[in-house]
């Protein structure tokens, strides 16, 4: 199943505390999965003014739909074509 990275422009994202965004995201994902839509959130990285989220989904449209339902920006959505890490050469 394809993996996607979402770039969300959210001013002051790095100053926020708490986990309400993750709770809301998981609620929307559960609703979508209950509807038979195959989308899963893996994790996110937060910088000062952006959040980068990694999702596994059947297609890009599901990632867009999730963002719309969540009410969160999805300024850029890219399909991951490869992954490199220190274990890649082992």
C-alpha atoms as a PDB file:
ATOM      1  CA  UNK A   1       0.000   0.000   0.000  1.00  0.00           C
ATOM      2  CA  UNK A   2       1.401   3.459  -0.849  1.00  0.00           C
ATOM      3  CA  UNK A   3       2.922   5.722   1.785  1.00  0.00           C
ATOM      4  CA  UNK A   4       2.364   9.498   1.736  1.00  0.00           C
ATOM      5  CA  UNK A   5       3.938  12.510   3.400  1.00  0.00           C
ATOM      6  CA  UNK A   6       1.706  15.491   4.091  1.00  0.00           C
ATOM      7  CA  UNK A   7       3.140  18.934   4.685  1.00  0.00           C
ATOM      8  CA  UNK A   8       0.843  21.091   6.803  1.00  0.00           C
ATOM      9  CA  UNK A   9       1.637  24.802   7.152  1.00  0.00           C
ATOM     10  CA  UNK A  10       0.530  25.656  10.690  1.00  0.00           C
ATOM     11  CA  UNK A  11       1.978  28.836  12.139  1.00  0.00           C
ATOM     12  CA  UNK A  12       3.283  28.254  15.660  1.00  0.00           C
ATOM     13  CA  UNK A  13       2.883  24.480  15.472  1.00  0.00           C
ATOM     14  CA  UNK A  14       6.072  24.017  17.487  1.00  0.00           C
ATOM     15  CA  UNK A  15       4.661  26.096  20.344  1.00  0.00           C
ATOM     16  CA  UNK A  16       1.554  23.949  20.810  1.00  0.00           C
ATOM     17  CA  UNK A  17       1.272  21.501  23.685  1.00  0.00           C
ATOM     18  CA  UNK A  18      -1.028  18.576  24.269  1.00  0.00           C
ATOM     19  CA  UNK A  19      -2.216  15.809  21.994  1.00  0.00           C
ATOM     20  CA  UNK A  20      -5.645  17.046  20.863  1.00  0.00           C
ATOM     21  CA  UNK A  21      -4.632  16.987  17.192  1.00  0.00           C
ATOM     22  CA  UNK A  22      -3.702  13.305  17.379  1.00  0.00           C
ATOM     23  CA  UNK A  23      -6.940  12.490  19.187  1.00  0.00           C
ATOM     24  CA  UNK A  24      -9.006  14.244  16.527  1.00  0.00           C
ATOM     25  CA  UNK A  25      -7.023  12.623  13.716  1.00  0.00           C
ATOM     26  CA  UNK A  26      -7.521   9.144  15.181  1.00  0.00           C
ATOM     27  CA  UNK A  27     -11.280   9.760  15.502  1.00  0.00           C
ATOM     28  CA  UNK A  28     -11.540  10.737  11.835  1.00  0.00           C
ATOM     29  CA  UNK A  29      -9.398   7.756  10.795  1.00  0.00           C
ATOM     30  CA  UNK A  30     -11.624   5.369  12.760  1.00  0.00           C
ATOM     31  CA  UNK A  31     -14.706   6.802  11.039  1.00  0.00           C
ATOM     32  CA  UNK A  32     -13.050   6.412   7.630  1.00  0.00           C
ATOM     33  CA  UNK A  33     -11.928   2.849   8.379  1.00  0.00           C
ATOM     34  CA  UNK A  34     -15.435   1.996   9.622  1.00  0.00           C
ATOM     35  CA  UNK A  35     -16.654   3.165   6.188  1.00  0.00           C
ATOM     36  CA  UNK A  36     -14.280   0.661   4.555  1.00  0.00           C
ATOM     37  CA  UNK A  37     -11.621   3.213   3.611  1.00  0.00           C
ATOM     38  CA  UNK A  38      -8.070   2.004   4.036  1.00  0.00           C
ATOM     39  CA  UNK A  39      -5.975   4.803   5.562  1.00  0.00           C
ATOM     40  CA  UNK A  40      -3.599   4.732   8.554  1.00  0.00           C
ATOM     41  CA  UNK A  41      -1.556   7.428  10.280  1.00  0.00           C
ATOM     42  CA  UNK A  42       1.984   6.341  11.144  1.00  0.00           C
ATOM     43  CA  UNK A  43       3.504   9.399  12.816  1.00  0.00           C
ATOM     44  CA  UNK A  44       4.174  13.115  12.470  1.00  0.00           C
ATOM     45  CA  UNK A  45       7.122  15.476  12.806  1.00  0.00           C
ATOM     46  CA  UNK A  46       6.563  19.014  14.080  1.00  0.00           C
ATOM     47  CA  UNK A  47       8.793  21.973  13.305  1.00  0.00           C
ATOM     48  CA  UNK A  48       8.129  25.563  14.330  1.00  0.00           C
ATOM     49  CA  UNK A  49       5.596  26.345  11.595  1.00  0.00           C
ATOM     50  CA  UNK A  50       4.955  23.017   9.868  1.00  0.00           C
ATOM     51  CA  UNK A  51       3.798  19.502  10.612  1.00  0.00           C
ATOM     52  CA  UNK A  52       4.892  16.592   8.405  1.00  0.00           C
ATOM     53  CA  UNK A  53       2.584  13.568   8.681  1.00  0.00           C
ATOM     54  CA  UNK A  54       3.231  10.090   7.336  1.00  0.00           C
ATOM     55  CA  UNK A  55       0.213   8.057   6.229  1.00  0.00           C
ATOM     56  CA  UNK A  56      -0.353   4.724   4.538  1.00  0.00           C
ATOM     57  CA  UNK A  57      -3.426   4.760   2.306  1.00  0.00           C
ATOM     58  CA  UNK A  58      -4.892   3.142  -0.760  1.00  0.00           C
ATOM     59  CA  UNK A  59      -4.617   6.446  -2.644  1.00  0.00           C
ATOM     60  CA  UNK A  60      -3.886  10.165  -2.398  1.00  0.00           C
ATOM     61  CA  UNK A  61      -7.581  11.043  -2.462  1.00  0.00           C
ATOM     62  CA  UNK A  62      -8.094   9.327   0.920  1.00  0.00           C
ATOM     63  CA  UNK A  63      -5.298  11.441   2.398  1.00  0.00           C
ATOM     64  CA  UNK A  64      -6.970  14.580   1.034  1.00  0.00           C
ATOM     65  CA  UNK A  65     -10.350  13.462   2.384  1.00  0.00           C
ATOM     66  CA  UNK A  66      -8.860  12.868   5.837  1.00  0.00           C
ATOM     67  CA  UNK A  67      -7.368  16.378   5.886  1.00  0.00           C
ATOM     68  CA  UNK A  68     -10.685  17.903   4.829  1.00  0.00           C
ATOM     69  CA  UNK A  69     -12.671  15.989   7.450  1.00  0.00           C
ATOM     70  CA  UNK A  70     -10.097  16.906  10.092  1.00  0.00           C
ATOM     71  CA  UNK A  71     -10.174  20.557   9.092  1.00  0.00           C
ATOM     72  CA  UNK A  72      -6.385  20.598   8.854  1.00  0.00           C
ATOM     73  CA  UNK A  73      -4.384  21.971   5.945  1.00  0.00           C
ATOM     74  CA  UNK A  74      -2.742  19.549   3.529  1.00  0.00           C
ATOM     75  CA  UNK A  75      -0.587  22.037   1.668  1.00  0.00           C
ATOM     76  CA  UNK A  76       1.475  19.336  -0.038  1.00  0.00           C
ATOM     77  CA  UNK A  77       0.854  15.603  -0.369  1.00  0.00           C
ATOM     78  CA  UNK A  78       3.591  13.454  -1.880  1.00  0.00           C
ATOM     79  CA  UNK A  79       3.766   9.711  -2.410  1.00  0.00           C
ATOM     80  CA  UNK A  80       6.922   8.184  -0.953  1.00  0.00           C
ATOM     81  CA  UNK A  81       8.934   6.451  -3.672  1.00  0.00           C
ATOM     82  CA  UNK A  82      11.800   5.186  -1.532  1.00  0.00           C
ATOM     83  CA  UNK A  83      13.160   5.130   1.997  1.00  0.00           C
ATOM     84  CA  UNK A  84      16.800   5.411   3.010  1.00  0.00           C
ATOM     85  CA  UNK A  85      18.174   4.765   6.469  1.00  0.00           C
ATOM     86  CA  UNK A  86      21.333   3.332   8.026  1.00  0.00           C
ATOM     87  CA  UNK A  87      19.992  -0.230   7.763  1.00  0.00           C
ATOM     88  CA  UNK A  88      19.370   0.013   3.990  1.00  0.00           C
ATOM     89  CA  UNK A  89      22.848  -1.309   3.238  1.00  0.00           C
ATOM     90  CA  UNK A  90      22.637  -4.310   5.572  1.00  0.00           C
END
